[in-house]
PDB file of all heavy atoms in Angstrom:
ATOM      1  N   TYR A   1       0.856  -1.183   0.007  1.00  0.00           N
ATOM      2  CA  TYR A   1      -0.002  -0.010   0.000  1.00  0.00           C
ATOM      3  C   TYR A   1       0.888   1.241   0.002  1.00  0.00           C
ATOM      4  O   TYR A   1       1.743   1.401   0.852  1.00  0.00           O
ATOM      5  CB  TYR A   1      -0.910   0.000   1.249  1.00  0.00           C
ATOM      6  CG  TYR A   1      -2.050   0.995   1.180  1.00  0.00           C
ATOM      7  CD1 TYR A   1      -3.068   0.837   0.263  1.00  0.00           C
ATOM      8  CD2 TYR A   1      -2.109   2.069   2.047  1.00  0.00           C
ATOM      9  CE1 TYR A   1      -4.112   1.719   0.176  1.00  0.00           C
ATOM     10  CE2 TYR A   1      -3.149   2.969   1.998  1.00  0.00           C
ATOM     11  CZ  TYR A   1      -4.158   2.790   1.066  1.00  0.00           C
ATOM     12  OH  TYR A   1      -5.197   3.684   0.993  1.00  0.00           O
ATOM     13  N   LEU A   2       0.711   2.102  -0.987  1.00  0.00           N
ATOM     14  CA  LEU A   2       1.534   3.304  -1.141  1.00  0.00           C
ATOM     15  C   LEU A   2       0.643   4.549  -1.182  1.00  0.00           C
ATOM     16  O   LEU A   2      -0.279   4.637  -2.005  1.00  0.00           O
ATOM     17  CB  LEU A   2       2.374   3.234  -2.418  1.00  0.00           C
ATOM     18  CG  LEU A   2       3.228   4.460  -2.760  1.00  0.00           C
ATOM     19  CD1 LEU A   2       4.303   4.641  -1.682  1.00  0.00           C
ATOM     20  CD2 LEU A   2       3.884   4.314  -4.119  1.00  0.00           C
ATOM     21  N   LEU A   3       0.901   5.487  -0.286  1.00  0.00           N
ATOM     22  CA  LEU A   3       0.182   6.755  -0.241  1.00  0.00           C
ATOM     23  C   LEU A   3       1.094   7.872  -0.723  1.00  0.00           C
ATOM     24  O   LEU A   3       2.285   7.888  -0.416  1.00  0.00           O
ATOM     25  CB  LEU A   3      -0.272   7.057   1.187  1.00  0.00           C
ATOM     26  CG  LEU A   3      -1.375   6.207   1.774  1.00  0.00           C
ATOM     27  CD1 LEU A   3      -1.535   6.477   3.261  1.00  0.00           C
ATOM     28  CD2 LEU A   3      -2.691   6.476   1.067  1.00  0.00           C
ATOM     29  N   ARG A   4       0.529   8.830  -1.468  1.00  0.00           N
ATOM     30  CA  ARG A   4       1.298   9.971  -1.930  1.00  0.00           C
ATOM     31  C   ARG A   4       0.490  11.244  -1.761  1.00  0.00           C
ATOM     32  O   ARG A   4      -0.712  11.277  -2.081  1.00  0.00           O
ATOM     33  CB  ARG A   4       1.717   9.817  -3.393  1.00  0.00           C
ATOM     34  CG  ARG A   4       2.449  11.024  -3.955  1.00  0.00           C
ATOM     35  CD  ARG A   4       2.926  10.818  -5.355  1.00  0.00           C
ATOM     36  NE  ARG A   4       4.043   9.902  -5.428  1.00  0.00           N
ATOM     37  CZ  ARG A   4       4.705   9.628  -6.550  1.00  0.00           C
ATOM     38  NH1 ARG A   4       4.360  10.208  -7.682  1.00  0.00           N
ATOM     39  NH2 ARG A   4       5.706   8.775  -6.535  1.00  0.00           N
ATOM     40  N   SER A   5       1.150  12.279  -1.280  1.00  0.00           N
ATOM     41  CA  SER A   5       0.485  13.556  -1.051  1.00  0.00           C
ATOM     42  C   SER A   5       0.300  14.351  -2.333  1.00  0.00           C
ATOM     43  O   SER A   5      -0.418  15.349  -2.346  1.00  0.00           O
ATOM     44  CB  SER A   5       1.256  14.395  -0.032  1.00  0.00           C
ATOM     45  OG  SER A   5       2.505  14.762  -0.599  1.00  0.00           O
ATOM     46  N   GLY A   6       1.012  13.964  -3.390  1.00  0.00           N
ATOM     47  CA  GLY A   6       1.006  14.766  -4.591  1.00  0.00           C
ATOM     48  C   GLY A   6       1.997  15.894  -4.507  1.00  0.00           C
ATOM     49  O   GLY A   6       2.685  16.072  -3.482  1.00  0.00           O
ATOM     50  N   ASP A   7       2.144  16.668  -5.558  1.00  0.00           N
ATOM     51  CA  ASP A   7       3.043  17.826  -5.557  1.00  0.00           C
ATOM     52  C   ASP A   7       2.312  19.027  -4.948  1.00  0.00           C
ATOM     53  O   ASP A   7       1.449  19.643  -5.578  1.00  0.00           O
ATOM     54  CB  ASP A   7       3.506  18.163  -6.954  1.00  0.00           C
ATOM     55  CG  ASP A   7       4.396  17.071  -7.514  1.00  0.00           C
ATOM     56  OD1 ASP A   7       5.177  16.503  -6.747  1.00  0.00           O
ATOM     57  OD2 ASP A   7       4.294  16.790  -8.724  1.00  0.00           O
ATOM     58  N   MET A   8       2.637  19.314  -3.690  1.00  0.00           N
ATOM     59  CA  MET A   8       1.960  20.415  -2.953  1.00  0.00           C
ATOM     60  C   MET A   8       2.654  21.726  -3.294  1.00  0.00           C
ATOM     61  O   MET A   8       3.736  22.013  -2.796  1.00  0.00           O
ATOM     62  CB  MET A   8       2.018  20.120  -1.444  1.00  0.00           C
ATOM     63  CG  MET A   8       1.329  18.838  -1.062  1.00  0.00           C
ATOM     64  SD  MET A   8       1.556  18.412   0.700  1.00  0.00           S
ATOM     65  CE  MET A   8       3.308  17.975   0.719  1.00  0.00           C
ATOM     66  N   LEU A   9       2.016  22.488  -4.148  1.00  0.00           N
ATOM     67  CA  LEU A   9       2.552  23.779  -4.580  1.00  0.00           C
ATOM     68  C   LEU A   9       2.364  24.808  -3.471  1.00  0.00           C
ATOM     69  O   LEU A   9       1.246  25.074  -3.057  1.00  0.00           O
ATOM     70  CB  LEU A   9       1.894  24.225  -5.865  1.00  0.00           C
ATOM     71  CG  LEU A   9       2.408  25.526  -6.482  1.00  0.00           C
ATOM     72  CD1 LEU A   9       3.853  25.351  -6.934  1.00  0.00           C
ATOM     73  CD2 LEU A   9       1.516  25.922  -7.671  1.00  0.00           C
ATOM     74  N   TRP A  10       3.462  25.388  -3.008  1.00  0.00           N
ATOM     75  CA  TRP A  10       3.367  26.379  -1.930  1.00  0.00           C
ATOM     76  C   TRP A  10       2.575  27.584  -2.416  1.00  0.00           C
ATOM     77  O   TRP A  10       2.905  28.184  -3.433  1.00  0.00           O
ATOM     78  CB  TRP A  10       4.745  26.828  -1.495  1.00  0.00           C
ATOM     79  CG  TRP A  10       5.578  25.755  -0.831  1.00  0.00           C
ATOM     80  CD1 TRP A  10       5.362  24.427  -0.851  1.00  0.00           C
ATOM     81  CD2 TRP A  10       6.753  25.974  -0.053  1.00  0.00           C
ATOM     82  NE1 TRP A  10       6.307  23.767  -0.149  1.00  0.00           N
ATOM     83  CE2 TRP A  10       7.216  24.689   0.357  1.00  0.00           C
ATOM     84  CE3 TRP A  10       7.497  27.070   0.308  1.00  0.00           C
ATOM     85  CZ2 TRP A  10       8.361  24.512   1.122  1.00  0.00           C
ATOM     86  CZ3 TRP A  10       8.632  26.910   1.079  1.00  0.00           C
ATOM     87  CH2 TRP A  10       9.051  25.637   1.490  1.00  0.00           C
ATOM     88  N   GLY A  11       1.502  27.917  -1.735  1.00  0.00           N
ATOM     89  CA  GLY A  11       0.671  29.016  -2.127  1.00  0.00           C
ATOM     90  C   GLY A  11      -0.316  28.672  -3.215  1.00  0.00           C
ATOM     91  O   GLY A  11      -1.115  29.511  -3.629  1.00  0.00           O
ATOM     92  N   GLY A  12      -0.298  27.412  -3.694  1.00  0.00           N
ATOM     93  CA  GLY A  12      -1.223  27.010  -4.746  1.00  0.00           C
ATOM     94  C   GLY A  12      -2.505  26.437  -4.182  1.00  0.00           C
ATOM     95  O   GLY A  12      -2.728  26.379  -2.953  1.00  0.00           O
ATOM     96  N   SER A  13      -3.358  25.938  -5.065  1.00  0.00           N
ATOM     97  CA  SER A  13      -4.668  25.436  -4.656  1.00  0.00           C
ATOM     98  C   SER A  13      -4.563  24.162  -3.832  1.00  0.00           C
ATOM     99  O   SER A  13      -5.432  23.888  -3.011  1.00  0.00           O
ATOM    100  CB  SER A  13      -5.537  25.165  -5.898  1.00  0.00           C
ATOM    101  OG  SER A  13      -4.888  24.224  -6.748  1.00  0.00           O
ATOM    102  N   SER A  14      -3.475  23.400  -4.018  1.00  0.00           N
ATOM    103  CA  SER A  14      -3.333  22.141  -3.281  1.00  0.00           C
ATOM    104  C   SER A  14      -2.776  22.334  -1.883  1.00  0.00           C
ATOM    105  O   SER A  14      -2.973  21.509  -1.015  1.00  0.00           O
ATOM    106  CB  SER A  14      -2.423  21.181  -4.051  1.00  0.00           C
ATOM    107  OG  SER A  14      -1.137  21.750  -4.192  1.00  0.00           O
ATOM    108  N   ALA A  15      -2.038  23.425  -1.630  1.00  0.00           N
ATOM    109  CA  ALA A  15      -1.455  23.676  -0.322  1.00  0.00           C
ATOM    110  C   ALA A  15      -1.220  25.180  -0.158  1.00  0.00           C
ATOM    111  O   ALA A  15      -0.091  25.633  -0.193  1.00  0.00           O
ATOM    112  CB  ALA A  15      -0.163  22.915  -0.160  1.00  0.00           C
ATOM    113  N   GLY A  16      -2.293  25.894  -0.025  1.00  0.00           N
ATOM    114  CA  GLY A  16      -2.175  27.346   0.056  1.00  0.00           C
ATOM    115  C   GLY A  16      -1.810  27.782   1.463  1.00  0.00           C
ATOM    116  O   GLY A  16      -0.968  27.212   2.135  1.00  0.00           O
ATOM    117  N   GLU A  17      -2.518  28.803   1.927  1.00  0.00           N
ATOM    118  CA  GLU A  17      -2.188  29.349   3.234  1.00  0.00           C
ATOM    119  C   GLU A  17      -2.465  28.330   4.350  1.00  0.00           C
ATOM    120  O   GLU A  17      -1.809  28.311   5.368  1.00  0.00           O
ATOM    121  CB  GLU A  17      -3.015  30.622   3.471  1.00  0.00           C
ATOM    122  CG  GLU A  17      -2.676  31.338   4.766  1.00  0.00           C
ATOM    123  CD  GLU A  17      -3.453  32.628   4.918  1.00  0.00           C
ATOM    124  OE1 GLU A  17      -4.210  32.956   3.984  1.00  0.00           O
ATOM    125  OE2 GLU A  17      -3.329  33.260   5.969  1.00  0.00           O
ATOM    126  N   PHE A  18      -3.473  27.492   4.133  1.00  0.00           N
ATOM    127  CA  PHE A  18      -3.822  26.476   5.115  1.00  0.00           C
ATOM    128  C   PHE A  18      -3.710  25.099   4.486  1.00  0.00           C
ATOM    129  O   PHE A  18      -3.690  24.952   3.262  1.00  0.00           O
ATOM    130  CB  PHE A  18      -5.240  26.710   5.642  1.00  0.00           C
ATOM    131  CG  PHE A  18      -5.436  28.099   6.202  1.00  0.00           C
ATOM    132  CD1 PHE A  18      -6.143  29.045   5.477  1.00  0.00           C
ATOM    133  CD2 PHE A  18      -4.903  28.443   7.414  1.00  0.00           C
ATOM    134  CE1 PHE A  18      -6.317  30.319   5.980  1.00  0.00           C
ATOM    135  CE2 PHE A  18      -5.052  29.715   7.925  1.00  0.00           C
ATOM    136  CZ  PHE A  18      -5.773  30.660   7.206  1.00  0.00           C
ATOM    137  N   SER A  19      -3.663  24.057   5.306  1.00  0.00           N
ATOM    138  CA  SER A  19      -3.374  22.723   4.812  1.00  0.00           C
ATOM    139  C   SER A  19      -4.612  21.879   4.561  1.00  0.00           C
ATOM    140  O   SER A  19      -4.502  20.704   4.175  1.00  0.00           O
ATOM    141  CB  SER A  19      -2.470  21.990   5.803  1.00  0.00           C
ATOM    142  OG  SER A  19      -3.139  21.853   7.058  1.00  0.00           O
ATOM    143  N   LYS A  20      -5.795  22.422   4.755  1.00  0.00           N
ATOM    144  CA  LYS A  20      -7.005  21.608   4.612  1.00  0.00           C
ATOM    145  C   LYS A  20      -7.215  21.066   3.194  1.00  0.00           C
ATOM    146  O   LYS A  20      -7.899  20.099   2.992  1.00  0.00           O
ATOM    147  CB  LYS A  20      -8.238  22.401   5.034  1.00  0.00           C
ATOM    148  CG  LYS A  20      -8.244  22.770   6.521  1.00  0.00           C
ATOM    149  CD  LYS A  20      -9.541  23.497   6.894  1.00  0.00           C
ATOM    150  CE  LYS A  20      -9.633  24.840   6.214  1.00  0.00           C
ATOM    151  NZ  LYS A  20     -10.867  25.565   6.638  1.00  0.00           N
ATOM    152  N   ALA A  21      -6.605  21.750   2.200  1.00  0.00           N
ATOM    153  CA  ALA A  21      -6.843  21.352   0.816  1.00  0.00           C
ATOM    154  C   ALA A  21      -5.862  20.289   0.311  1.00  0.00           C
ATOM    155  O   ALA A  21      -5.972  19.881  -0.839  1.00  0.00           O
ATOM    156  CB  ALA A  21      -6.767  22.582  -0.093  1.00  0.00           C
ATOM    157  N   ILE A  22      -4.900  19.898   1.124  1.00  0.00           N
ATOM    158  CA  ILE A  22      -3.915  18.914   0.670  1.00  0.00           C
ATOM    159  C   ILE A  22      -4.606  17.567   0.416  1.00  0.00           C
ATOM    160  O   ILE A  22      -5.318  17.056   1.291  1.00  0.00           O
ATOM    161  CB  ILE A  22      -2.788  18.734   1.702  1.00  0.00           C
ATOM    162  CG1 ILE A  22      -2.001  20.043   1.823  1.00  0.00           C
ATOM    163  CG2 ILE A  22      -1.842  17.615   1.285  1.00  0.00           C
ATOM    164  CD1 ILE A  22      -0.912  19.991   2.872  1.00  0.00           C
ATOM    165  N   ASN A  23      -4.374  17.031  -0.734  1.00  0.00           N
ATOM    166  CA  ASN A  23      -5.043  15.798  -1.163  1.00  0.00           C
ATOM    167  C   ASN A  23      -4.063  14.617  -1.093  1.00  0.00           C
ATOM    168  O   ASN A  23      -3.059  14.616  -1.809  1.00  0.00           O
ATOM    169  CB  ASN A  23      -5.597  15.954  -2.576  1.00  0.00           C
ATOM    170  CG  ASN A  23      -6.519  14.823  -2.976  1.00  0.00           C
ATOM    171  OD1 ASN A  23      -6.876  13.985  -2.132  1.00  0.00           O
ATOM    172  ND2 ASN A  23      -6.869  14.765  -4.224  1.00  0.00           N
ATOM    173  N   VAL A  24      -4.350  13.646  -0.254  1.00  0.00           N
ATOM    174  CA  VAL A  24      -3.543  12.450  -0.164  1.00  0.00           C
ATOM    175  C   VAL A  24      -4.236  11.339  -0.941  1.00  0.00           C
ATOM    176  O   VAL A  24      -5.416  11.046  -0.710  1.00  0.00           O
ATOM    177  CB  VAL A  24      -3.334  12.013   1.303  1.00  0.00           C
ATOM    178  CG1 VAL A  24      -2.519  10.755   1.384  1.00  0.00           C
ATOM    179  CG2 VAL A  24      -2.633  13.140   2.066  1.00  0.00           C
ATOM    180  N   LYS A  25      -3.524  10.711  -1.869  1.00  0.00           N
ATOM    181  CA  LYS A  25      -4.123   9.723  -2.757  1.00  0.00           C
ATOM    182  C   LYS A  25      -3.437   8.372  -2.597  1.00  0.00           C
ATOM    183  O   LYS A  25      -2.267   8.277  -2.267  1.00  0.00           O
ATOM    184  CB  LYS A  25      -4.006  10.178  -4.217  1.00  0.00           C
ATOM    185  CG  LYS A  25      -4.806  11.430  -4.546  1.00  0.00           C
ATOM    186  CD  LYS A  25      -4.680  11.783  -6.021  1.00  0.00           C
ATOM    187  CE  LYS A  25      -5.511  13.013  -6.349  1.00  0.00           C
ATOM    188  NZ  LYS A  25      -5.430  13.362  -7.799  1.00  0.00           N
TER     189      LYS A  25
END
């Protein structure tokens, strides 16, 4: 089983000012 957070762009839609939008797949 492998989990990946994806490429979290600083300040982008995936990881902006807060971390609630980070998508782990």
